[in-house]
Amino acid sequence: MGLKSSEQIKVVLAESNPMILSAMSEKFSSDERISLISTVTTAEDFLSTVLRVKVDLGIVCWTLPQLGGEKVIEVLRENPSAPKILVYAQNHSLEVSRRALAAGAAGFCNDEQTVDELLETAITVASGKMVFPFMDVRELQDDPLFMLTKREKIILQFLADGSSNKELAESMKISINTVKFHLSNLYEKLGVKNRSQAISFFYSRRLDQVHEPEGGTRLRAN
């Protein structure tokens, strides 16, 4: 659901590069449609802010230190009061925008867009619309990660963190039999046979994030 046109959009900006963050902050704070709640430089500070204060929209760098944009979205997606997330990235490949969409982001921009364009995209996303580059939906539907439910994605993350079935059950407050049921569905959707193969799949899909260029996103000046 989007905001009423008369309401200011409560925004938090998350970017580790001080020059980029300053340019974004100046643009967003000067727009009467925006109420800039905070600017942060790490994933930990972003999560702390949006879980403590009512925020409508978080604008998050894909390579945000500590966790990265993808993990931030995954942490928030089970929280009904979490803000919409607009991701921006230096990587222009459709793979990154596809992963952002699959994780639960509401919009995506890359650094070839100006700060003005980022602002207008933020307004659009806050109104309840999704904004992504063109991508073939049929390819998304063929992607195993896209086919996972939210709970299955959470379980996959727990597996990658080394959790046992008992720890999974305790963390998610479900029975061990229910964990086994979800694992069976998870393995089938990923096309793997066991826990080790599922974990290998998880990390193989994150290699491109590890190898993204250092220095963060570079949004163009106007």
C-alpha atoms as a PDB file:
ATOM      1  CA  MET A   1       0.000   0.000   0.000  1.00  0.00           C
ATOM      2  CA  GLY A   2       1.337   3.438  -0.929  1.00  0.00           C
ATOM      3  CA  LEU A   3       1.254   6.690   1.001  1.00  0.00           C
ATOM      4  CA  LYS A   4      -1.256   9.473   0.484  1.00  0.00           C
ATOM      5  CA  SER A   5       0.100  12.226  -1.742  1.00  0.00           C
ATOM      6  CA  SER A   6      -0.132  14.735   1.130  1.00  0.00           C
ATOM      7  CA  GLU A   7       2.048  12.664   3.462  1.00  0.00           C
ATOM      8  CA  GLN A   8       5.782  13.147   3.698  1.00  0.00           C
ATOM      9  CA  ILE A   9       7.782  10.011   2.981  1.00  0.00           C
ATOM     10  CA  LYS A  10       9.961   8.997   5.921  1.00  0.00           C
ATOM     11  CA  VAL A  11      13.306   7.931   4.449  1.00  0.00           C
ATOM     12  CA  VAL A  12      16.576   6.465   5.722  1.00  0.00           C
ATOM     13  CA  LEU A  13      19.634   6.583   3.442  1.00  0.00           C
ATOM     14  CA  ALA A  14      22.264   3.849   3.806  1.00  0.00           C
ATOM     15  CA  GLU A  15      25.597   4.408   2.016  1.00  0.00           C
ATOM     16  CA  SER A  16      29.183   3.984   3.232  1.00  0.00           C
ATOM     17  CA  ASN A  17      30.768   6.547   0.886  1.00  0.00           C
ATOM     18  CA  PRO A  18      30.577   9.974   2.621  1.00  0.00           C
ATOM     19  CA  MET A  19      30.592  12.003  -0.621  1.00  0.00           C
ATOM     20  CA  ILE A  20      27.730  10.025  -2.132  1.00  0.00           C
ATOM     21  CA  LEU A  21      25.810  10.053   1.136  1.00  0.00           C
ATOM     22  CA  SER A  22      26.237  13.826   1.393  1.00  0.00           C
ATOM     23  CA  ALA A  23      24.939  14.384  -2.155  1.00  0.00           C
ATOM     24  CA  MET A  24      21.962  12.130  -1.551  1.00  0.00           C
ATOM     25  CA  SER A  25      21.225  13.715   1.820  1.00  0.00           C
ATOM     26  CA  GLU A  26      21.294  17.232   0.365  1.00  0.00           C
ATOM     27  CA  LYS A  27      18.879  16.307  -2.424  1.00  0.00           C
ATOM     28  CA  PHE A  28      16.432  14.337  -0.278  1.00  0.00           C
ATOM     29  CA  SER A  29      16.385  16.742   2.680  1.00  0.00           C
ATOM     30  CA  SER A  30      15.592  19.696   0.399  1.00  0.00           C
ATOM     31  CA  ASP A  31      12.530  18.023  -1.153  1.00  0.00           C
ATOM     32  CA  GLU A  32       9.273  18.857   0.636  1.00  0.00           C
ATOM     33  CA  ARG A  33       7.879  15.414  -0.168  1.00  0.00           C
ATOM     34  CA  ILE A  34      10.591  13.773   1.944  1.00  0.00           C
ATOM     35  CA  SER A  35      11.195  13.595   5.672  1.00  0.00           C
ATOM     36  CA  LEU A  36      14.800  12.423   5.976  1.00  0.00           C
ATOM     37  CA  ILE A  37      14.886  10.457   9.230  1.00  0.00           C
ATOM     38  CA  SER A  38      18.536   9.448   9.211  1.00  0.00           C
ATOM     39  CA  THR A  39      21.643   8.734   7.156  1.00  0.00           C
ATOM     40  CA  VAL A  40      23.730   5.682   8.063  1.00  0.00           C
ATOM     41  CA  THR A  41      26.899   4.031   6.798  1.00  0.00           C
ATOM     42  CA  THR A  42      26.517   0.383   7.865  1.00  0.00           C
ATOM     43  CA  ALA A  43      23.909  -2.357   7.691  1.00  0.00           C
ATOM     44  CA  GLU A  44      23.869  -2.635  11.478  1.00  0.00           C
ATOM     45  CA  ASP A  45      23.023   1.058  11.884  1.00  0.00           C
ATOM     46  CA  PHE A  46      20.366   0.844   9.175  1.00  0.00           C
ATOM     47  CA  LEU A  47      18.626  -2.130  10.775  1.00  0.00           C
ATOM     48  CA  SER A  48      18.838  -0.543  14.217  1.00  0.00           C
ATOM     49  CA  THR A  49      17.189   2.620  12.902  1.00  0.00           C
ATOM     50  CA  VAL A  50      14.341   1.105  10.881  1.00  0.00           C
ATOM     51  CA  LEU A  51      13.456  -1.378  13.622  1.00  0.00           C
ATOM     52  CA  ARG A  52      13.298   1.418  16.186  1.00  0.00           C
ATOM     53  CA  VAL A  53      11.666   4.250  14.220  1.00  0.00           C
ATOM     54  CA  LYS A  54       8.717   4.252  11.802  1.00  0.00           C
ATOM     55  CA  VAL A  55      10.228   4.489   8.312  1.00  0.00           C
ATOM     56  CA  ASP A  56       8.437   4.276   4.952  1.00  0.00           C
ATOM     57  CA  LEU A  57      11.404   3.737   2.659  1.00  0.00           C
ATOM     58  CA  GLY A  58      15.005   2.632   3.025  1.00  0.00           C
ATOM     59  CA  ILE A  59      17.451   3.406   0.223  1.00  0.00           C
ATOM     60  CA  VAL A  60      20.228   0.864   0.549  1.00  0.00           C
ATOM     61  CA  CYS A  61      23.522   0.377  -1.263  1.00  0.00           C
ATOM     62  CA  TRP A  62      23.827  -3.212  -2.517  1.00  0.00           C
ATOM     63  CA  THR A  63      27.381  -3.435  -1.099  1.00  0.00           C
ATOM     64  CA  LEU A  64      26.579  -1.820   2.261  1.00  0.00           C
ATOM     65  CA  PRO A  65      29.288  -2.836   4.792  1.00  0.00           C
ATOM     66  CA  GLN A  66      28.754  -5.683   7.269  1.00  0.00           C
ATOM     67  CA  LEU A  67      25.862  -7.472   5.570  1.00  0.00           C
ATOM     68  CA  GLY A  68      25.197  -6.090   2.100  1.00  0.00           C
ATOM     69  CA  GLY A  69      21.852  -5.015   0.700  1.00  0.00           C
ATOM     70  CA  GLU A  70      20.609  -8.518  -0.042  1.00  0.00           C
ATOM     71  CA  LYS A  71      21.027  -9.708   3.534  1.00  0.00           C
ATOM     72  CA  VAL A  72      19.431  -6.519   4.891  1.00  0.00           C
ATOM     73  CA  ILE A  73      16.310  -7.219   2.827  1.00  0.00           C
ATOM     74  CA  GLU A  74      16.231 -10.840   3.985  1.00  0.00           C
ATOM     75  CA  VAL A  75      16.487  -9.788   7.636  1.00  0.00           C
ATOM     76  CA  LEU A  76      13.564  -7.376   7.279  1.00  0.00           C
ATOM     77  CA  ARG A  77      11.169  -9.265   5.044  1.00  0.00           C
ATOM     78  CA  GLU A  78       9.420 -11.176   7.853  1.00  0.00           C
ATOM     79  CA  ASN A  79       8.786  -7.928   9.751  1.00  0.00           C
ATOM     80  CA  PRO A  80       5.346  -6.529   8.814  1.00  0.00           C
ATOM     81  CA  SER A  81       6.334  -3.001   9.862  1.00  0.00           C
ATOM     82  CA  ALA A  82       9.571  -2.969   7.845  1.00  0.00           C
ATOM     83  CA  PRO A  83       9.998  -0.189   5.261  1.00  0.00           C
ATOM     84  CA  LYS A  84      10.016  -0.719   1.524  1.00  0.00           C
ATOM     85  CA  ILE A  85      13.580  -1.093   0.248  1.00  0.00           C
ATOM     86  CA  LEU A  86      14.984   0.637  -2.827  1.00  0.00           C
ATOM     87  CA  VAL A  87      18.350  -0.880  -3.792  1.00  0.00           C
ATOM     88  CA  TYR A  88      21.000   0.856  -5.846  1.00  0.00           C
ATOM     89  CA  ALA A  89      24.190  -0.718  -7.114  1.00  0.00           C
ATOM     90  CA  GLN A  90      27.356  -0.104  -9.077  1.00  0.00           C
ATOM     91  CA  ASN A  91      26.883  -3.430 -10.821  1.00  0.00           C
ATOM     92  CA  HIS A  92      24.657  -2.868 -13.867  1.00  0.00           C
ATOM     93  CA  SER A  93      23.957  -6.542 -14.568  1.00  0.00           C
ATOM     94  CA  LEU A  94      20.412  -7.840 -14.533  1.00  0.00           C
ATOM     95  CA  GLU A  95      21.619 -10.523 -12.122  1.00  0.00           C
ATOM     96  CA  VAL A  96      21.891  -7.984  -9.295  1.00  0.00           C
ATOM     97  CA  SER A  97      18.472  -6.461  -9.982  1.00  0.00           C
ATOM     98  CA  ARG A  98      17.022  -9.967 -10.251  1.00  0.00           C
ATOM     99  CA  ARG A  99      18.513 -10.912  -6.888  1.00  0.00           C
ATOM    100  CA  ALA A 100      17.209  -7.710  -5.325  1.00  0.00           C
ATOM    101  CA  LEU A 101      13.715  -8.491  -6.609  1.00  0.00           C
ATOM    102  CA  ALA A 102      13.902 -12.111  -5.449  1.00  0.00           C
ATOM    103  CA  ALA A 103      15.064 -11.001  -1.990  1.00  0.00           C
ATOM    104  CA  GLY A 104      12.053  -8.710  -1.633  1.00  0.00           C
ATOM    105  CA  ALA A 105      13.197  -5.236  -2.691  1.00  0.00           C
ATOM    106  CA  ALA A 106      10.567  -2.853  -4.052  1.00  0.00           C
ATOM    107  CA  GLY A 107      12.841  -1.042  -6.498  1.00  0.00           C
ATOM    108  CA  PHE A 108      16.290  -0.878  -8.075  1.00  0.00           C
ATOM    109  CA  CYS A 109      18.585   1.842  -9.453  1.00  0.00           C
ATOM    110  CA  ASN A 110      22.168   1.786 -10.685  1.00  0.00           C
ATOM    111  CA  ASP A 111      24.886   4.432 -10.561  1.00  0.00           C
ATOM    112  CA  GLU A 112      24.271   5.613 -14.134  1.00  0.00           C
ATOM    113  CA  GLN A 113      21.168   7.346 -12.835  1.00  0.00           C
ATOM    114  CA  THR A 114      21.385  10.810 -11.319  1.00  0.00           C
ATOM    115  CA  VAL A 115      20.481  11.686  -7.744  1.00  0.00           C
ATOM    116  CA  ASP A 116      17.375  13.409  -9.158  1.00  0.00           C
ATOM    117  CA  GLU A 117      16.374  10.161 -10.865  1.00  0.00           C
ATOM    118  CA  LEU A 118      17.003   8.240  -7.656  1.00  0.00           C
ATOM    119  CA  LEU A 119      14.743  10.676  -5.806  1.00  0.00           C
ATOM    120  CA  GLU A 120      11.912  10.271  -8.321  1.00  0.00           C
ATOM    121  CA  THR A 121      12.280   6.487  -8.208  1.00  0.00           C
ATOM    122  CA  ALA A 122      12.037   6.680  -4.417  1.00  0.00           C
ATOM    123  CA  ILE A 123       8.801   8.689  -4.694  1.00  0.00           C
ATOM    124  CA  THR A 124       7.384   6.098  -7.091  1.00  0.00           C
ATOM    125  CA  VAL A 125       8.327   3.154  -4.868  1.00  0.00           C
ATOM    126  CA  ALA A 126       6.888   4.865  -1.783  1.00  0.00           C
ATOM    127  CA  SER A 127       3.595   5.320  -3.652  1.00  0.00           C
ATOM    128  CA  GLY A 128       3.258   1.545  -3.830  1.00  0.00           C
ATOM    129  CA  LYS A 129       4.743   0.764  -7.244  1.00  0.00           C
ATOM    130  CA  MET A 130       7.685  -1.508  -7.998  1.00  0.00           C
ATOM    131  CA  VAL A 131      10.506  -0.165 -10.176  1.00  0.00           C
ATOM    132  CA  PHE A 132      12.970  -2.549 -11.842  1.00  0.00           C
ATOM    133  CA  PRO A 133      14.821  -2.760 -15.164  1.00  0.00           C
ATOM    134  CA  PHE A 134      13.130  -4.911 -17.777  1.00  0.00           C
ATOM    135  CA  MET A 135      13.721  -8.606 -17.172  1.00  0.00           C
ATOM    136  CA  ASP A 136      12.154 -11.722 -18.620  1.00  0.00           C
ATOM    137  CA  VAL A 137       9.714 -12.999 -15.991  1.00  0.00           C
ATOM    138  CA  ARG A 138       9.997 -16.484 -17.469  1.00  0.00           C
ATOM    139  CA  GLU A 139      13.676 -16.524 -16.518  1.00  0.00           C
ATOM    140  CA  LEU A 140      12.805 -15.482 -12.972  1.00  0.00           C
ATOM    141  CA  GLN A 141      10.292 -18.289 -12.700  1.00  0.00           C
ATOM    142  CA  ASP A 142      12.976 -20.761 -13.788  1.00  0.00           C
ATOM    143  CA  ASP A 143      15.357 -19.516 -11.082  1.00  0.00           C
ATOM    144  CA  PRO A 144      15.374 -21.906  -8.080  1.00  0.00           C
ATOM    145  CA  LEU A 145      15.889 -19.075  -5.572  1.00  0.00           C
ATOM    146  CA  PHE A 146      12.941 -17.146  -6.972  1.00  0.00           C
ATOM    147  CA  MET A 147      10.738 -20.204  -6.484  1.00  0.00           C
ATOM    148  CA  LEU A 148      11.537 -20.543  -2.773  1.00  0.00           C
ATOM    149  CA  THR A 149       9.040 -19.360  -0.187  1.00  0.00           C
ATOM    150  CA  LYS A 150      10.147 -16.790   2.390  1.00  0.00           C
ATOM    151  CA  ARG A 151      10.434 -19.520   5.012  1.00  0.00           C
ATOM    152  CA  GLU A 152      12.518 -21.714   2.709  1.00  0.00           C
ATOM    153  CA  LYS A 153      14.899 -18.820   2.045  1.00  0.00           C
ATOM    154  CA  ILE A 154      15.278 -18.299   5.782  1.00  0.00           C
ATOM    155  CA  ILE A 155      15.988 -22.006   6.263  1.00  0.00           C
ATOM    156  CA  LEU A 156      18.599 -21.905   3.483  1.00  0.00           C
ATOM    157  CA  GLN A 157      20.319 -19.026   5.271  1.00  0.00           C
ATOM    158  CA  PHE A 158      20.279 -20.983   8.542  1.00  0.00           C
ATOM    159  CA  LEU A 159      21.808 -23.971   6.750  1.00  0.00           C
ATOM    160  CA  ALA A 160      24.584 -21.775   5.386  1.00  0.00           C
ATOM    161  CA  ASP A 161      25.218 -20.513   8.924  1.00  0.00           C
ATOM    162  CA  GLY A 162      25.721 -24.104  10.074  1.00  0.00           C
ATOM    163  CA  SER A 163      22.489 -24.600  12.033  1.00  0.00           C
ATOM    164  CA  SER A 164      21.366 -28.134  12.864  1.00  0.00           C
ATOM    165  CA  ASN A 165      17.768 -29.298  12.449  1.00  0.00           C
ATOM    166  CA  LYS A 166      17.256 -28.869  16.191  1.00  0.00           C
ATOM    167  CA  GLU A 167      18.618 -25.309  16.096  1.00  0.00           C
ATOM    168  CA  LEU A 168      16.433 -24.542  13.083  1.00  0.00           C
ATOM    169  CA  ALA A 169      13.357 -25.800  14.915  1.00  0.00           C
ATOM    170  CA  GLU A 170      14.158 -23.739  18.008  1.00  0.00           C
ATOM    171  CA  SER A 171      14.952 -20.561  16.062  1.00  0.00           C
ATOM    172  CA  MET A 172      11.816 -20.767  13.906  1.00  0.00           C
ATOM    173  CA  LYS A 173       9.584 -22.147  16.682  1.00  0.00           C
ATOM    174  CA  ILE A 174       8.499 -25.147  14.633  1.00  0.00           C
ATOM    175  CA  SER A 175       8.854 -28.905  15.119  1.00  0.00           C
ATOM    176  CA  ILE A 176      11.791 -30.923  13.798  1.00  0.00           C
ATOM    177  CA  ASN A 177       9.369 -32.823  11.547  1.00  0.00           C
ATOM    178  CA  THR A 178       8.253 -29.501  10.049  1.00  0.00           C
ATOM    179  CA  VAL A 179      11.904 -28.581   9.507  1.00  0.00           C
ATOM    180  CA  LYS A 180      12.438 -31.870   7.667  1.00  0.00           C
ATOM    181  CA  PHE A 181       9.366 -31.187   5.536  1.00  0.00           C
ATOM    182  CA  HIS A 182      10.678 -27.744   4.544  1.00  0.00           C
ATOM    183  CA  LEU A 183      14.149 -29.154   3.856  1.00  0.00           C
ATOM    184  CA  SER A 184      12.677 -31.787   1.548  1.00  0.00           C
ATOM    185  CA  ASN A 185      10.847 -29.093  -0.439  1.00  0.00           C
ATOM    186  CA  LEU A 186      13.939 -26.889  -0.428  1.00  0.00           C
ATOM    187  CA  TYR A 187      16.199 -29.625  -1.803  1.00  0.00           C
ATOM    188  CA  GLU A 188      13.690 -30.470  -4.520  1.00  0.00           C
ATOM    189  CA  LYS A 189      13.367 -26.849  -5.676  1.00  0.00           C
ATOM    190  CA  LEU A 190      17.143 -26.318  -5.702  1.00  0.00           C
ATOM    191  CA  GLY A 191      17.742 -29.604  -7.491  1.00  0.00           C
ATOM    192  CA  VAL A 192      20.092 -30.857  -4.769  1.00  0.00           C
ATOM    193  CA  LYS A 193      20.173 -34.046  -2.721  1.00  0.00           C
ATOM    194  CA  ASN A 194      21.429 -32.991   0.684  1.00  0.00           C
ATOM    195  CA  ARG A 195      22.387 -30.218   3.093  1.00  0.00           C
ATOM    196  CA  SER A 196      25.962 -29.877   1.812  1.00  0.00           C
ATOM    197  CA  GLN A 197      24.808 -29.381  -1.770  1.00  0.00           C
ATOM    198  CA  ALA A 198      22.230 -26.807  -0.654  1.00  0.00           C
ATOM    199  CA  ILE A 199      24.919 -24.851   1.205  1.00  0.00           C
ATOM    200  CA  SER A 200      27.220 -25.012  -1.833  1.00  0.00           C
ATOM    201  CA  PHE A 201      24.391 -23.663  -3.989  1.00  0.00           C
ATOM    202  CA  PHE A 202      23.795 -20.834  -1.497  1.00  0.00           C
ATOM    203  CA  TYR A 203      27.410 -19.659  -1.560  1.00  0.00           C
ATOM    204  CA  SER A 204      27.838 -20.102  -5.316  1.00  0.00           C
ATOM    205  CA  ARG A 205      25.013 -17.612  -5.887  1.00  0.00           C
ATOM    206  CA  ARG A 206      26.809 -15.000  -3.788  1.00  0.00           C
ATOM    207  CA  LEU A 207      30.206 -15.099  -5.468  1.00  0.00           C
ATOM    208  CA  ASP A 208      29.406 -12.183  -7.765  1.00  0.00           C
ATOM    209  CA  GLN A 209      28.570 -10.042  -4.720  1.00  0.00           C
ATOM    210  CA  VAL A 210      31.936 -10.909  -3.137  1.00  0.00           C
ATOM    211  CA  HIS A 211      33.768  -9.889  -6.312  1.00  0.00           C
ATOM    212  CA  GLU A 212      31.993  -6.588  -6.905  1.00  0.00           C
ATOM    213  CA  PRO A 213      34.390  -3.623  -7.226  1.00  0.00           C
ATOM    214  CA  GLU A 214      35.512  -1.948  -4.026  1.00  0.00           C
ATOM    215  CA  GLY A 215      34.614   1.613  -3.212  1.00  0.00           C
ATOM    216  CA  GLY A 216      30.835   1.363  -3.230  1.00  0.00           C
ATOM    217  CA  THR A 217      28.297   2.797  -5.610  1.00  0.00           C
ATOM    218  CA  ARG A 218      28.970   5.876  -7.698  1.00  0.00           C
ATOM    219  CA  LEU A 219      25.788   7.762  -8.446  1.00  0.00           C
ATOM    220  CA  ARG A 220      26.305  10.459 -11.054  1.00  0.00           C
ATOM    221  CA  ALA A 221      25.985  14.082 -10.081  1.00  0.00           C
ATOM    222  CA  ASN A 222      23.283  16.084 -11.822  1.00  0.00           C
END
